[in-house]
Amino acid sequence: MRSVAKPEPDRAADLEVEAYKAGIDRTLLERNLKLSVEERFLQLMELVRFAEELRAAGKRAAKA
């Protein structure tokens, strides 16, 4: 039986992933993962509502 060689991990990709990880606030990820699906949807709906308010405010400011 022949052994299939595993490809070497891409060291450059690993370093790039590690560089991105440094800028991620893991506490926010952990907190959000503790939420139920319904709670996540409620947060998303609130974010959409806020974005709509900002968009409307921008339009009003552009007219003024």
PDB file of N, CA and C in Angstrom:
ATOM      1  N   MET A   1       0.842  -1.182   0.000  1.00  0.00           N
ATOM      2  CA  MET A   1       0.000   0.000   0.000  1.00  0.00           C
ATOM      3  C   MET A   1       0.884   1.241   0.000  1.00  0.00           C
ATOM      4  N   ARG A   2       0.595   2.172  -0.897  1.00  0.00           N
ATOM      5  CA  ARG A   2       1.387   3.390  -1.016  1.00  0.00           C
ATOM      6  C   ARG A   2       0.912   4.452  -0.047  1.00  0.00           C
ATOM      7  N   SER A   3       1.849   5.178   0.448  1.00  0.00           N
ATOM      8  CA  SER A   3       1.539   6.284   1.340  1.00  0.00           C
ATOM      9  C   SER A   3       1.449   7.561   0.516  1.00  0.00           C
ATOM     10  N   VAL A   4       0.402   8.307   0.727  1.00  0.00           N
ATOM     11  CA  VAL A   4       0.222   9.563   0.014  1.00  0.00           C
ATOM     12  C   VAL A   4       0.816  10.669   0.866  1.00  0.00           C
ATOM     13  N   ALA A   5       1.729  11.405   0.272  1.00  0.00           N
ATOM     14  CA  ALA A   5       2.383  12.489   1.007  1.00  0.00           C
ATOM     15  C   ALA A   5       1.412  13.642   1.208  1.00  0.00           C
ATOM     16  N   LYS A   6       1.390  14.144   2.416  1.00  0.00           N
ATOM     17  CA  LYS A   6       0.554  15.306   2.702  1.00  0.00           C
ATOM     18  C   LYS A   6       1.280  16.551   2.223  1.00  0.00           C
ATOM     19  N   PRO A   7       0.524  17.493   1.633  1.00  0.00           N
ATOM     20  CA  PRO A   7       1.181  18.731   1.191  1.00  0.00           C
ATOM     21  C   PRO A   7       1.682  19.534   2.379  1.00  0.00           C
ATOM     22  N   GLU A   8       2.784  20.212   2.178  1.00  0.00           N
ATOM     23  CA  GLU A   8       3.343  21.078   3.220  1.00  0.00           C
ATOM     24  C   GLU A   8       2.399  22.254   3.446  1.00  0.00           C
ATOM     25  N   PRO A   9       2.158  22.616   4.696  1.00  0.00           N
ATOM     26  CA  PRO A   9       1.307  23.793   4.930  1.00  0.00           C
ATOM     27  C   PRO A   9       1.965  25.045   4.375  1.00  0.00           C
ATOM     28  N   ASP A  10       1.145  25.908   3.884  1.00  0.00           N
ATOM     29  CA  ASP A  10       1.641  27.162   3.320  1.00  0.00           C
ATOM     30  C   ASP A  10       2.005  28.100   4.467  1.00  0.00           C
ATOM     31  N   ARG A  11       3.281  28.228   4.720  1.00  0.00           N
ATOM     32  CA  ARG A  11       3.765  29.017   5.847  1.00  0.00           C
ATOM     33  C   ARG A  11       3.367  30.491   5.706  1.00  0.00           C
ATOM     34  N   ALA A  12       3.395  31.011   4.490  1.00  0.00           N
ATOM     35  CA  ALA A  12       3.037  32.415   4.276  1.00  0.00           C
ATOM     36  C   ALA A  12       1.576  32.651   4.637  1.00  0.00           C
ATOM     37  N   ALA A  13       0.710  31.704   4.282  1.00  0.00           N
ATOM     38  CA  ALA A  13      -0.714  31.840   4.603  1.00  0.00           C
ATOM     39  C   ALA A  13      -0.910  31.796   6.113  1.00  0.00           C
ATOM     40  N   ASP A  14      -0.177  30.913   6.796  1.00  0.00           N
ATOM     41  CA  ASP A  14      -0.277  30.830   8.259  1.00  0.00           C
ATOM     42  C   ASP A  14       0.123  32.148   8.906  1.00  0.00           C
ATOM     43  N   LEU A  15       1.185  32.745   8.423  1.00  0.00           N
ATOM     44  CA  LEU A  15       1.644  34.014   8.979  1.00  0.00           C
ATOM     45  C   LEU A  15       0.624  35.116   8.729  1.00  0.00           C
ATOM     46  N   GLU A  16      -0.006  35.085   7.566  1.00  0.00           N
ATOM     47  CA  GLU A  16      -1.010  36.092   7.240  1.00  0.00           C
ATOM     48  C   GLU A  16      -2.231  35.953   8.157  1.00  0.00           C
ATOM     49  N   VAL A  17      -2.663  34.724   8.382  1.00  0.00           N
ATOM     50  CA  VAL A  17      -3.803  34.480   9.277  1.00  0.00           C
ATOM     51  C   VAL A  17      -3.461  34.969  10.681  1.00  0.00           C
ATOM     52  N   GLU A  18      -2.283  34.667  11.156  1.00  0.00           N
ATOM     53  CA  GLU A  18      -1.874  35.109  12.492  1.00  0.00           C
ATOM     54  C   GLU A  18      -1.858  36.633  12.584  1.00  0.00           C
ATOM     55  N   ALA A  19      -1.449  37.307  11.525  1.00  0.00           N
ATOM     56  CA  ALA A  19      -1.428  38.773  11.525  1.00  0.00           C
ATOM     57  C   ALA A  19      -2.847  39.332  11.635  1.00  0.00           C
ATOM     58  N   TYR A  20      -3.806  38.710  10.952  1.00  0.00           N
ATOM     59  CA  TYR A  20      -5.190  39.172  11.043  1.00  0.00           C
ATOM     60  C   TYR A  20      -5.782  38.901  12.423  1.00  0.00           C
ATOM     61  N   LYS A  21      -5.428  37.771  13.017  1.00  0.00           N
ATOM     62  CA  LYS A  21      -5.950  37.409  14.332  1.00  0.00           C
ATOM     63  C   LYS A  21      -5.611  38.458  15.386  1.00  0.00           C
ATOM     64  N   ALA A  22      -4.467  39.074  15.249  1.00  0.00           N
ATOM     65  CA  ALA A  22      -4.014  40.052  16.245  1.00  0.00           C
ATOM     66  C   ALA A  22      -4.977  41.222  16.358  1.00  0.00           C
ATOM     67  N   GLY A  23      -5.701  41.554  15.296  1.00  0.00           N
ATOM     68  CA  GLY A  23      -6.597  42.691  15.305  1.00  0.00           C
ATOM     69  C   GLY A  23      -8.044  42.350  15.620  1.00  0.00           C
ATOM     70  N   ILE A  24      -8.305  41.121  16.036  1.00  0.00           N
ATOM     71  CA  ILE A  24      -9.672  40.692  16.288  1.00  0.00           C
ATOM     72  C   ILE A  24      -9.941  40.657  17.787  1.00  0.00           C
ATOM     73  N   ASP A  25     -11.042  41.285  18.183  1.00  0.00           N
ATOM     74  CA  ASP A  25     -11.449  41.268  19.584  1.00  0.00           C
ATOM     75  C   ASP A  25     -12.246  39.993  19.828  1.00  0.00           C
ATOM     76  N   ARG A  26     -11.611  39.000  20.377  1.00  0.00           N
ATOM     77  CA  ARG A  26     -12.246  37.698  20.568  1.00  0.00           C
ATOM     78  C   ARG A  26     -13.364  37.747  21.606  1.00  0.00           C
ATOM     79  N   THR A  27     -13.310  38.701  22.517  1.00  0.00           N
ATOM     80  CA  THR A  27     -14.361  38.776  23.537  1.00  0.00           C
ATOM     81  C   THR A  27     -15.711  39.077  22.892  1.00  0.00           C
ATOM     82  N   LEU A  28     -15.704  39.905  21.837  1.00  0.00           N
ATOM     83  CA  LEU A  28     -16.962  40.187  21.134  1.00  0.00           C
ATOM     84  C   LEU A  28     -17.485  38.947  20.426  1.00  0.00           C
ATOM     85  N   LEU A  29     -16.595  38.196  19.819  1.00  0.00           N
ATOM     86  CA  LEU A  29     -17.006  36.954  19.152  1.00  0.00           C
ATOM     87  C   LEU A  29     -17.605  35.979  20.157  1.00  0.00           C
ATOM     88  N   GLU A  30     -16.913  35.818  21.284  1.00  0.00           N
ATOM     89  CA  GLU A  30     -17.400  34.884  22.303  1.00  0.00           C
ATOM     90  C   GLU A  30     -18.754  35.328  22.854  1.00  0.00           C
ATOM     91  N   ARG A  31     -18.911  36.628  23.092  1.00  0.00           N
ATOM     92  CA  ARG A  31     -20.171  37.132  23.621  1.00  0.00           C
ATOM     93  C   ARG A  31     -21.307  36.891  22.628  1.00  0.00           C
ATOM     94  N   ASN A  32     -21.045  37.144  21.350  1.00  0.00           N
ATOM     95  CA  ASN A  32     -22.088  36.945  20.338  1.00  0.00           C
ATOM     96  C   ASN A  32     -22.433  35.471  20.151  1.00  0.00           C
ATOM     97  N   LEU A  33     -21.454  34.595  20.302  1.00  0.00           N
ATOM     98  CA  LEU A  33     -21.727  33.169  20.155  1.00  0.00           C
ATOM     99  C   LEU A  33     -22.569  32.627  21.303  1.00  0.00           C
ATOM    100  N   LYS A  34     -22.587  33.339  22.424  1.00  0.00           N
ATOM    101  CA  LYS A  34     -23.412  32.924  23.559  1.00  0.00           C
ATOM    102  C   LYS A  34     -24.879  33.304  23.367  1.00  0.00           C
ATOM    103  N   LEU A  35     -25.151  34.184  22.408  1.00  0.00           N
ATOM    104  CA  LEU A  35     -26.528  34.614  22.154  1.00  0.00           C
ATOM    105  C   LEU A  35     -27.303  33.526  21.416  1.00  0.00           C
ATOM    106  N   SER A  36     -28.599  33.528  21.625  1.00  0.00           N
ATOM    107  CA  SER A  36     -29.447  32.601  20.871  1.00  0.00           C
ATOM    108  C   SER A  36     -29.590  33.135  19.440  1.00  0.00           C
ATOM    109  N   VAL A  37     -30.112  32.302  18.569  1.00  0.00           N
ATOM    110  CA  VAL A  37     -30.338  32.726  17.185  1.00  0.00           C
ATOM    111  C   VAL A  37     -31.296  33.910  17.165  1.00  0.00           C
ATOM    112  N   GLU A  38     -32.342  33.845  17.976  1.00  0.00           N
ATOM    113  CA  GLU A  38     -33.310  34.942  18.024  1.00  0.00           C
ATOM    114  C   GLU A  38     -32.646  36.240  18.477  1.00  0.00           C
ATOM    115  N   GLU A  39     -31.790  36.158  19.483  1.00  0.00           N
ATOM    116  CA  GLU A  39     -31.101  37.359  19.971  1.00  0.00           C
ATOM    117  C   GLU A  39     -30.179  37.942  18.900  1.00  0.00           C
ATOM    118  N   ARG A  40     -29.556  37.071  18.133  1.00  0.00           N
ATOM    119  CA  ARG A  40     -28.686  37.547  17.042  1.00  0.00           C
ATOM    120  C   ARG A  40     -29.512  38.256  15.968  1.00  0.00           C
ATOM    121  N   PHE A  41     -30.680  37.695  15.635  1.00  0.00           N
ATOM    122  CA  PHE A  41     -31.551  38.348  14.653  1.00  0.00           C
ATOM    123  C   PHE A  41     -32.039  39.699  15.159  1.00  0.00           C
ATOM    124  N   LEU A  42     -32.375  39.781  16.441  1.00  0.00           N
ATOM    125  CA  LEU A  42     -32.814  41.060  17.011  1.00  0.00           C
ATOM    126  C   LEU A  42     -31.703  42.097  16.921  1.00  0.00           C
ATOM    127  N   GLN A  43     -30.479  41.686  17.199  1.00  0.00           N
ATOM    128  CA  GLN A  43     -29.341  42.605  17.073  1.00  0.00           C
ATOM    129  C   GLN A  43     -29.171  43.059  15.630  1.00  0.00           C
ATOM    130  N   LEU A  44     -29.302  42.126  14.705  1.00  0.00           N
ATOM    131  CA  LEU A  44     -29.172  42.459  13.290  1.00  0.00           C
ATOM    132  C   LEU A  44     -30.255  43.434  12.858  1.00  0.00           C
ATOM    133  N   MET A  45     -31.490  43.207  13.316  1.00  0.00           N
ATOM    134  CA  MET A  45     -32.590  44.105  12.963  1.00  0.00           C
ATOM    135  C   MET A  45     -32.337  45.505  13.524  1.00  0.00           C
ATOM    136  N   GLU A  46     -31.792  45.577  14.717  1.00  0.00           N
ATOM    137  CA  GLU A  46     -31.472  46.879  15.314  1.00  0.00           C
ATOM    138  C   GLU A  46     -30.373  47.579  14.506  1.00  0.00           C
ATOM    139  N   LEU A  47     -29.390  46.823  14.048  1.00  0.00           N
ATOM    140  CA  LEU A  47     -28.312  47.391  13.227  1.00  0.00           C
ATOM    141  C   LEU A  47     -28.874  47.924  11.907  1.00  0.00           C
ATOM    142  N   VAL A  48     -29.775  47.184  11.284  1.00  0.00           N
ATOM    143  CA  VAL A  48     -30.389  47.627  10.027  1.00  0.00           C
ATOM    144  C   VAL A  48     -31.188  48.905  10.256  1.00  0.00           C
ATOM    145  N   ARG A  49     -31.936  48.950  11.357  1.00  0.00           N
ATOM    146  CA  ARG A  49     -32.726  50.143  11.693  1.00  0.00           C
ATOM    147  C   ARG A  49     -31.792  51.351  11.868  1.00  0.00           C
ATOM    148  N   PHE A  50     -30.686  51.155  12.562  1.00  0.00           N
ATOM    149  CA  PHE A  50     -29.723  52.230  12.782  1.00  0.00           C
ATOM    150  C   PHE A  50     -29.115  52.690  11.455  1.00  0.00           C
ATOM    151  N   ALA A  51     -28.784  51.743  10.585  1.00  0.00           N
ATOM    152  CA  ALA A  51     -28.219  52.098   9.279  1.00  0.00           C
ATOM    153  C   ALA A  51     -29.208  52.912   8.456  1.00  0.00           C
ATOM    154  N   GLU A  52     -30.493  52.558   8.539  1.00  0.00           N
ATOM    155  CA  GLU A  52     -31.518  53.315   7.815  1.00  0.00           C
ATOM    156  C   GLU A  52     -31.629  54.738   8.355  1.00  0.00           C
ATOM    157  N   GLU A  53     -31.529  54.886   9.675  1.00  0.00           N
ATOM    158  CA  GLU A  53     -31.558  56.223  10.271  1.00  0.00           C
ATOM    159  C   GLU A  53     -30.363  57.050   9.806  1.00  0.00           C
ATOM    160  N   LEU A  54     -29.196  56.440   9.771  1.00  0.00           N
ATOM    161  CA  LEU A  54     -28.003  57.158   9.306  1.00  0.00           C
ATOM    162  C   LEU A  54     -28.142  57.571   7.847  1.00  0.00           C
ATOM    163  N   ARG A  55     -28.657  56.675   7.034  1.00  0.00           N
ATOM    164  CA  ARG A  55     -28.846  56.973   5.608  1.00  0.00           C
ATOM    165  C   ARG A  55     -29.813  58.144   5.432  1.00  0.00           C
ATOM    166  N   ALA A  56     -30.894  58.119   6.178  1.00  0.00           N
ATOM    167  CA  ALA A  56     -31.882  59.199   6.087  1.00  0.00           C
ATOM    168  C   ALA A  56     -31.285  60.522   6.564  1.00  0.00           C
ATOM    169  N   ALA A  57     -30.518  60.477   7.626  1.00  0.00           N
ATOM    170  CA  ALA A  57     -29.867  61.695   8.140  1.00  0.00           C
ATOM    171  C   ALA A  57     -28.867  62.248   7.113  1.00  0.00           C
ATOM    172  N   GLY A  58     -28.169  61.351   6.448  1.00  0.00           N
ATOM    173  CA  GLY A  58     -27.222  61.784   5.405  1.00  0.00           C
ATOM    174  C   GLY A  58     -27.936  62.454   4.255  1.00  0.00           C
ATOM    175  N   LYS A  59     -29.066  61.922   3.850  1.00  0.00           N
ATOM    176  CA  LYS A  59     -29.855  62.512   2.773  1.00  0.00           C
ATOM    177  C   LYS A  59     -30.356  63.912   3.180  1.00  0.00           C
ATOM    178  N   ARG A  60     -30.835  64.021   4.424  1.00  0.00           N
ATOM    179  CA  ARG A  60     -31.313  65.318   4.902  1.00  0.00           C
ATOM    180  C   ARG A  60     -30.175  66.344   4.936  1.00  0.00           C
ATOM    181  N   ALA A  61     -29.018  65.897   5.375  1.00  0.00           N
ATOM    182  CA  ALA A  61     -27.868  66.815   5.444  1.00  0.00           C
ATOM    183  C   ALA A  61     -27.417  67.240   4.047  1.00  0.00           C
ATOM    184  N   ALA A  62     -27.510  66.330   3.088  1.00  0.00           N
ATOM    185  CA  ALA A  62     -27.092  66.648   1.721  1.00  0.00           C
ATOM    186  C   ALA A  62     -28.026  67.675   1.079  1.00  0.00           C
ATOM    187  N   LYS A  63     -29.310  67.629   1.452  1.00  0.00           N
ATOM    188  CA  LYS A  63     -30.286  68.586   0.910  1.00  0.00           C
ATOM    189  C   LYS A  63     -30.116  69.977   1.510  1.00  0.00           C
ATOM    190  N   ALA A  64     -29.630  70.016   2.732  1.00  0.00           N
ATOM    191  CA  ALA A  64     -29.506  71.311   3.442  1.00  0.00           C
ATOM    192  C   ALA A  64     -28.321  72.121   2.948  1.00  0.00           C
TER     193      ALA A  64
END
